[in-house]
Amino acid sequence: MDVMTEPGAQTLSEILSQPAVWDTCLAKLEGSSELRTAAQMARPGAEWVFVGCGTSYYLALAAASTFNYLGLAARAMPASDLLLYPAVSLPVGRDFIPVMISRSGRTSEVLRAARMLEQKQVRTIAITCANGEALESISSVTLKLLDGNDQSTVMTRSFTSMLLGLQYLAATVSGNEAFQRALLELPKQAAPLLREVPHRLKLFAESRGFSDCVFLAQAPLFGIASECMLKVTESSCTYAQVFHALEFRHGPKSIAGPETLIAFLISESSYEAEVEVLEEMKKLGAATLVIANRVDERARRAADFSVELGLRVPEYARPAAYTIWGQLFGAYTGLKKGLNPDAPRNLTRVVELQE
């Protein structure tokens, strides 16, 4: 059998290709006229509004977090909210810079939202991994990360590539050259993690069976935890949820037990508070997975499996590197269950609705 025809081979190949793909995408974006044009759309007092569906909405959450960190007011919304509640989503009298996110450039709800904004004569930025699709034709400027495109149904390297592209735009608009350099450095620092950790994670996924998965994180990583939740759901048909880490104490912890895997994406700023929740959930009998830049002895004792990133870039430049492990866990769990992550049940690569 051809290796690439084995179940999950395409998805796994695309996940593991990410550091090299990031390097290529950022190098091309860095000197592009489209990046300069998009940056010139920034206006004092304008709010950046990131719009997407599914994975692209979680990408919007992660991008908005970085923009806010760099001093650029931003928020995220699903395209459906913009379509169904436009007056609430974009109140009259306020200035907005909408950024429309679609891997394919053909996502129906994103296209409809972009057309609505076009009719209101609102200039928009699009970001995509496709060339010459409908979204590009109705947007003022389009950032195209073609090397980040996936052939698989589920979004993996396209998510992280577009996230890094938007983070680089934020650094450009804010004039933060140190953050730009950190993003360019990330691929080289993340690549060594893919030599040995994936095999260990595969063995962990194969050795345990979980009926439920929960992903927990705080502000810088909440969009990433949401995306990891979705990857596990899509790739393995496993019931998965996402919560802010400290919110898990307020009711959801009732599901903690040996059949529930609780994955902690622990940030640097709130490390101590999140490790306290980790220890509490371990005492309740939950299985635990930890992803953190540094894993101290307390976290290591409370974790059934841990990934220590060891990155030397700032905290807000790391989210793409956290995403990899949720993607891989979803794929490995799907394979353990006899599923093919390359062909998830009930899903298509693009959600295109009838007009």
Protein backbone atom coordinates (compact mmCIF):
# COMPACT_ATOMS: atom_id res chain seq x y z
CA MET A 1 0.00 0.00 0.00
CA ASP A 2 1.22 3.49 -0.84
CA VAL A 3 2.12 5.23 2.43
CA MET A 4 -0.04 8.24 1.55
CA THR A 5 -3.10 5.97 1.07
CA GLU A 6 -2.88 4.63 4.63
CA PRO A 7 -5.57 6.02 6.96
CA GLY A 8 -4.55 9.39 8.38
CA ALA A 9 -1.34 9.62 6.38
CA GLN A 10 -2.23 12.88 4.62
CA THR A 11 -3.36 14.60 7.81
CA LEU A 12 -0.32 13.46 9.78
CA SER A 13 2.03 14.53 7.00
CA GLU A 14 0.51 18.02 6.95
CA ILE A 15 0.65 18.35 10.74
CA LEU A 16 4.31 17.34 10.87
CA SER A 17 5.22 19.67 7.98
CA GLN A 18 4.23 22.79 9.90
CA PRO A 19 7.54 24.36 10.99
CA ALA A 20 8.92 24.20 7.45
CA VAL A 21 5.67 25.55 6.02
CA TRP A 22 5.59 28.41 8.56
CA ASP A 23 9.09 29.41 7.54
CA THR A 24 8.10 29.55 3.86
CA CYS A 25 4.82 31.40 4.48
CA LEU A 26 6.37 34.06 6.70
CA ALA A 27 9.28 34.61 4.32
CA LYS A 28 6.88 35.26 1.43
CA LEU A 29 4.51 37.39 3.50
CA GLU A 30 7.27 39.52 5.01
CA GLY A 31 8.15 41.26 1.75
CA SER A 32 4.74 41.23 0.09
CA SER A 33 2.92 44.30 -1.19
CA GLU A 34 -0.32 42.81 0.19
CA LEU A 35 1.05 42.94 3.72
CA ARG A 36 1.99 46.59 3.29
CA THR A 37 -1.45 47.42 1.88
CA ALA A 38 -3.22 45.62 4.73
CA ALA A 39 -1.08 47.40 7.32
CA GLN A 40 -1.92 50.75 5.74
CA MET A 41 -5.61 50.09 6.39
CA ALA A 42 -4.99 50.56 10.13
CA ARG A 43 -6.60 53.71 11.50
CA PRO A 44 -6.38 55.32 14.96
CA GLY A 45 -9.38 54.28 17.02
CA ALA A 46 -10.51 51.57 14.58
CA GLU A 47 -11.26 48.12 15.98
CA TRP A 48 -9.99 45.02 14.20
CA VAL A 49 -12.81 42.48 13.80
CA PHE A 50 -11.86 38.93 12.83
CA VAL A 51 -14.59 36.88 11.17
CA GLY A 52 -14.61 33.15 10.46
CA CYS A 53 -16.49 29.86 10.76
CA GLY A 54 -15.44 26.72 12.64
CA THR A 55 -11.66 26.47 12.75
CA SER A 56 -11.42 29.93 11.21
CA TYR A 57 -13.47 31.36 14.09
CA TYR A 58 -11.06 29.84 16.60
CA LEU A 59 -8.27 31.33 14.52
CA ALA A 60 -10.08 34.67 14.85
CA LEU A 61 -10.06 34.31 18.66
CA ALA A 62 -6.33 33.59 18.72
CA ALA A 63 -5.53 36.44 16.33
CA ALA A 64 -7.63 38.96 18.29
CA SER A 65 -5.76 38.01 21.46
CA THR A 66 -2.41 38.85 19.85
CA PHE A 67 -3.69 42.13 18.39
CA ASN A 68 -4.92 43.21 21.83
CA TYR A 69 -1.60 42.22 23.38
CA LEU A 70 0.20 44.45 20.87
CA GLY A 71 -2.06 47.40 21.67
CA LEU A 72 -4.51 47.05 18.77
CA ALA A 73 -8.16 46.84 19.84
CA ALA A 74 -9.62 43.63 18.41
CA ARG A 75 -12.32 41.00 18.79
CA ALA A 76 -13.53 37.88 17.03
CA MET A 77 -16.96 36.78 15.88
CA PRO A 78 -18.46 33.90 13.88
CA ALA A 79 -19.67 34.98 10.45
CA SER A 80 -23.17 33.87 11.42
CA ASP A 81 -23.37 36.54 14.13
CA LEU A 82 -22.37 39.23 11.67
CA LEU A 83 -25.02 38.02 9.22
CA LEU A 84 -27.84 37.54 11.71
CA TYR A 85 -27.12 40.42 14.10
CA PRO A 86 -25.26 43.07 12.08
CA ALA A 87 -26.41 46.03 14.18
CA VAL A 88 -25.12 44.36 17.36
CA SER A 89 -21.96 43.01 15.76
CA LEU A 90 -20.89 46.27 14.11
CA PRO A 91 -22.69 49.14 15.87
CA VAL A 92 -23.32 52.28 13.83
CA GLY A 93 -20.92 55.12 14.50
CA ARG A 94 -17.87 52.97 15.29
CA ASP A 95 -14.89 52.36 13.01
CA PHE A 96 -14.00 48.77 12.10
CA ILE A 97 -11.39 46.93 10.08
CA PRO A 98 -12.98 43.55 9.25
CA VAL A 99 -10.67 40.63 8.51
CA MET A 100 -12.41 37.74 6.74
CA ILE A 101 -10.85 34.31 7.28
CA SER A 102 -11.38 31.31 4.98
CA ARG A 103 -8.87 28.62 4.04
CA SER A 104 -10.63 27.93 0.75
CA GLY A 105 -11.88 31.45 0.01
CA ARG A 106 -15.27 29.80 -0.65
CA THR A 107 -16.86 29.40 2.80
CA SER A 108 -20.46 30.46 2.20
CA GLU A 109 -21.14 32.37 5.42
CA VAL A 110 -17.85 34.25 5.21
CA LEU A 111 -18.61 35.18 1.59
CA ARG A 112 -22.08 36.37 2.51
CA ALA A 113 -20.68 38.48 5.36
CA ALA A 114 -18.02 39.95 3.05
CA ARG A 115 -20.65 40.81 0.42
CA MET A 116 -22.79 42.49 3.06
CA LEU A 117 -19.84 44.64 4.12
CA GLU A 118 -19.03 45.41 0.49
CA GLN A 119 -22.57 46.66 -0.01
CA LYS A 120 -22.11 48.94 3.00
CA GLN A 121 -18.87 50.20 1.39
CA VAL A 122 -16.78 48.83 4.26
CA ARG A 123 -13.25 47.90 3.15
CA THR A 124 -12.16 44.42 4.21
CA ILE A 125 -8.99 42.36 4.50
CA ALA A 126 -9.15 38.67 3.57
CA ILE A 127 -6.75 35.93 4.57
CA THR A 128 -6.81 32.58 2.80
CA CYS A 129 -4.69 29.68 1.57
CA ALA A 130 -6.24 29.69 -1.90
CA ASN A 131 -5.64 31.72 -5.04
CA GLY A 132 -8.24 33.48 -7.16
CA GLU A 133 -11.33 32.40 -5.20
CA ALA A 134 -14.51 34.40 -4.59
CA LEU A 135 -13.42 35.94 -1.28
CA GLU A 136 -10.43 37.57 -2.94
CA SER A 137 -12.62 39.26 -5.55
CA ILE A 138 -14.82 41.00 -2.97
CA SER A 139 -12.10 42.02 -0.50
CA SER A 140 -10.00 45.18 -0.56
CA VAL A 141 -6.76 43.25 -0.06
CA THR A 142 -6.03 39.54 0.34
CA LEU A 143 -3.20 37.90 2.26
CA LYS A 144 -2.57 34.56 0.54
CA LEU A 145 -0.57 31.87 2.34
CA LEU A 146 -0.66 29.33 -0.45
CA ASP A 147 2.07 27.11 0.98
CA GLY A 148 -0.04 26.66 4.12
CA ASN A 149 -2.93 25.00 2.29
CA ASP A 150 -3.94 21.50 3.34
CA GLN A 151 -5.31 18.81 1.08
CA SER A 152 -6.98 17.11 4.05
CA THR A 153 -10.55 17.85 5.09
CA VAL A 154 -9.59 19.13 8.53
CA MET A 155 -7.56 22.31 8.82
CA THR A 156 -4.14 21.87 10.43
CA ARG A 157 -1.20 23.70 8.86
CA SER A 158 -3.56 26.22 7.26
CA PHE A 159 -4.76 27.22 10.74
CA THR A 160 -1.30 27.82 12.14
CA SER A 161 0.02 29.44 8.95
CA MET A 162 -2.82 31.95 8.80
CA LEU A 163 -2.48 32.60 12.54
CA LEU A 164 1.19 33.44 12.12
CA GLY A 165 0.32 35.60 9.12
CA LEU A 166 -2.16 37.62 11.18
CA GLN A 167 0.27 37.86 14.08
CA TYR A 168 2.89 39.19 11.68
CA LEU A 169 0.37 41.75 10.42
CA ALA A 170 -0.24 42.85 14.03
CA ALA A 171 3.49 43.23 14.63
CA THR A 172 3.80 45.24 11.41
CA VAL A 173 0.92 47.58 12.25
CA SER A 174 2.16 48.10 15.81
CA GLY A 175 5.76 48.59 14.69
CA ASN A 176 6.96 45.84 17.02
CA GLU A 177 10.09 44.61 15.26
CA ALA A 178 11.09 42.37 18.17
CA PHE A 179 7.80 40.48 17.85
CA GLN A 180 8.30 40.19 14.09
CA ARG A 181 11.72 38.62 14.70
CA ALA A 182 10.25 36.24 17.26
CA LEU A 183 7.66 34.97 14.77
CA LEU A 184 10.36 34.44 12.15
CA GLU A 185 12.41 32.53 14.73
CA LEU A 186 9.55 30.26 15.84
CA PRO A 187 9.78 27.64 13.03
CA LYS A 188 13.42 26.89 13.79
CA GLN A 189 12.75 26.57 17.51
CA ALA A 190 9.64 24.39 17.09
CA ALA A 191 11.07 21.94 14.53
CA PRO A 192 13.12 19.79 16.99
CA LEU A 193 9.96 19.01 18.98
CA LEU A 194 8.63 16.98 16.05
CA ARG A 195 11.49 14.50 16.09
CA GLU A 196 10.52 12.53 19.18
CA VAL A 197 7.43 13.88 20.96
CA PRO A 198 4.88 12.74 18.31
CA HIS A 199 5.85 9.09 18.80
CA ARG A 200 5.46 9.37 22.57
CA LEU A 201 2.09 11.07 22.16
CA LYS A 202 0.98 8.33 19.75
CA LEU A 203 1.84 5.65 22.32
CA PHE A 204 -0.06 7.59 24.99
CA ALA A 205 -3.15 7.88 22.79
CA GLU A 206 -2.98 4.17 21.90
CA SER A 207 -2.54 3.04 25.49
CA ARG A 208 -5.54 4.86 26.92
CA GLY A 209 -9.19 5.09 25.97
CA PHE A 210 -11.15 8.21 26.83
CA SER A 211 -14.89 8.74 26.45
CA ASP A 212 -14.55 12.51 26.96
CA CYS A 213 -11.83 15.07 26.32
CA VAL A 214 -11.65 18.58 27.77
CA PHE A 215 -9.23 21.31 26.73
CA LEU A 216 -8.49 24.09 29.21
CA ALA A 217 -6.63 27.36 28.71
CA GLN A 218 -6.69 31.04 29.59
CA ALA A 219 -6.73 34.16 27.38
CA PRO A 220 -3.60 33.83 25.18
CA LEU A 221 -4.36 30.18 24.43
CA PHE A 222 -8.14 29.91 24.67
CA GLY A 223 -8.60 30.08 20.88
CA ILE A 224 -5.94 27.38 20.54
CA ALA A 225 -7.63 25.15 23.12
CA SER A 226 -10.90 25.62 21.21
CA GLU A 227 -9.22 24.51 18.00
CA CYS A 228 -7.65 21.48 19.72
CA MET A 229 -11.12 20.55 20.96
CA LEU A 230 -12.45 20.74 17.41
CA LYS A 231 -9.58 18.67 15.99
CA VAL A 232 -10.27 15.86 18.46
CA THR A 233 -13.98 16.01 17.61
CA GLU A 234 -13.42 16.01 13.83
CA SER A 235 -10.59 13.48 13.63
CA SER A 236 -11.80 10.93 16.19
CA CYS A 237 -15.56 11.49 16.74
CA THR A 238 -14.74 11.83 20.44
CA TYR A 239 -16.89 14.06 22.61
CA ALA A 240 -14.72 17.07 23.45
CA GLN A 241 -15.28 20.36 25.26
CA VAL A 242 -13.35 23.54 25.96
CA PHE A 243 -13.38 25.85 28.98
CA HIS A 244 -11.26 28.57 30.49
CA ALA A 245 -9.02 26.72 32.91
CA LEU A 246 -10.18 28.37 36.13
CA GLU A 247 -13.83 28.21 35.03
CA PHE A 248 -13.64 24.41 34.99
CA ARG A 249 -13.98 24.43 38.79
CA HIS A 250 -17.39 26.08 38.54
CA GLY A 251 -19.50 23.07 37.59
CA PRO A 252 -17.78 21.29 34.68
CA LYS A 253 -15.35 19.48 37.00
CA SER A 254 -18.24 17.10 37.79
CA ILE A 255 -17.14 15.04 34.75
CA ALA A 256 -13.58 14.53 36.08
CA GLY A 257 -12.71 10.85 36.30
CA PRO A 258 -10.50 8.16 34.75
CA GLU A 259 -12.43 8.12 31.45
CA THR A 260 -12.03 11.89 30.99
CA LEU A 261 -8.83 13.33 29.58
CA ILE A 262 -8.28 16.90 30.68
CA ALA A 263 -5.68 18.67 28.54
CA PHE A 264 -4.13 21.83 29.97
CA LEU A 265 -2.58 24.37 27.60
CA ILE A 266 -0.76 26.32 30.29
CA SER A 267 0.41 29.86 29.63
CA GLU A 268 3.34 31.56 31.28
CA SER A 269 1.43 34.51 32.75
CA SER A 270 -1.09 32.39 34.64
CA TYR A 271 1.08 29.31 35.20
CA GLU A 272 0.70 29.00 38.99
CA ALA A 273 -3.08 29.40 38.95
CA GLU A 274 -3.50 26.84 36.16
CA VAL A 275 -1.22 24.28 37.83
CA GLU A 276 -3.43 24.52 40.93
CA VAL A 277 -6.41 23.48 38.77
CA LEU A 278 -4.30 20.69 37.25
CA GLU A 279 -3.45 19.30 40.68
CA GLU A 280 -7.09 19.54 41.77
CA MET A 281 -8.31 17.61 38.72
CA LYS A 282 -5.66 14.95 39.22
CA LYS A 283 -6.88 14.44 42.80
CA LEU A 284 -10.40 13.94 41.40
CA GLY A 285 -9.08 11.04 39.33
CA ALA A 286 -8.98 12.59 35.86
CA ALA A 287 -6.35 11.65 33.28
CA THR A 288 -4.26 14.72 32.49
CA LEU A 289 -2.22 16.01 29.58
CA VAL A 290 -0.08 19.15 29.95
CA ILE A 291 1.35 21.39 27.24
CA ALA A 292 3.48 24.23 28.53
CA ASN A 293 6.60 26.10 27.60
CA ARG A 294 8.21 25.00 30.86
CA VAL A 295 6.89 22.06 32.90
CA ASP A 296 8.02 22.24 36.51
CA GLU A 297 8.09 19.34 38.96
CA ARG A 298 4.60 20.10 40.32
CA ALA A 299 3.04 19.95 36.86
CA ARG A 300 5.06 16.88 35.91
CA ARG A 301 3.81 14.97 38.95
CA ALA A 302 0.19 15.82 38.14
CA ALA A 303 0.45 15.02 34.40
CA ASP A 304 -0.03 11.61 32.81
CA PHE A 305 1.64 13.04 29.72
CA SER A 306 3.42 16.35 29.21
CA VAL A 307 4.89 18.32 26.33
CA GLU A 308 7.51 20.90 27.28
CA LEU A 309 7.99 23.30 24.36
CA GLY A 310 11.13 25.07 25.61
CA LEU A 311 10.67 27.97 23.18
CA ARG A 312 12.74 31.13 23.59
CA VAL A 313 10.23 33.46 21.91
CA PRO A 314 7.73 35.60 23.89
CA GLU A 315 4.55 34.05 25.23
CA TYR A 316 2.23 35.52 22.59
CA ALA A 317 4.46 34.26 19.76
CA ARG A 318 4.03 30.62 20.87
CA PRO A 319 0.36 29.70 20.20
CA ALA A 320 0.98 28.01 16.84
CA ALA A 321 3.42 25.62 18.52
CA TYR A 322 0.80 24.64 21.13
CA THR A 323 -1.71 23.76 18.40
CA ILE A 324 0.30 20.87 16.97
CA TRP A 325 -0.29 18.58 19.93
CA GLY A 326 -4.08 18.82 19.89
CA GLN A 327 -4.01 18.15 16.15
CA LEU A 328 -1.83 15.06 16.61
CA PHE A 329 -3.79 13.75 19.59
CA GLY A 330 -6.99 13.98 17.56
CA ALA A 331 -5.47 12.10 14.63
CA TYR A 332 -3.89 9.39 16.80
CA THR A 333 -7.13 8.92 18.75
CA GLY A 334 -9.07 8.56 15.51
CA LEU A 335 -6.66 5.92 14.26
CA LYS A 336 -6.91 4.03 17.57
CA LYS A 337 -10.70 3.95 17.11
CA GLY A 338 -10.33 2.53 13.59
CA LEU A 339 -11.30 5.78 11.87
CA ASN A 340 -9.59 7.59 9.01
CA PRO A 341 -8.74 11.19 9.98
CA ASP A 342 -8.26 11.95 6.28
CA ALA A 343 -11.97 11.33 5.71
CA PRO A 344 -13.91 12.48 8.80
CA ARG A 345 -17.51 11.41 9.10
CA ASN A 346 -20.15 13.89 7.83
CA LEU A 347 -17.57 16.52 6.86
CA THR A 348 -16.51 18.14 3.61
CA ARG A 349 -13.40 20.24 3.01
CA VAL A 350 -15.45 23.39 2.34
CA VAL A 351 -18.85 24.33 3.74
CA GLU A 352 -20.73 25.71 0.73
CA LEU A 353 -24.43 26.38 1.23
CA GLN A 354 -27.06 26.61 -1.46
CA GLU A 355 -27.91 30.19 -2.37
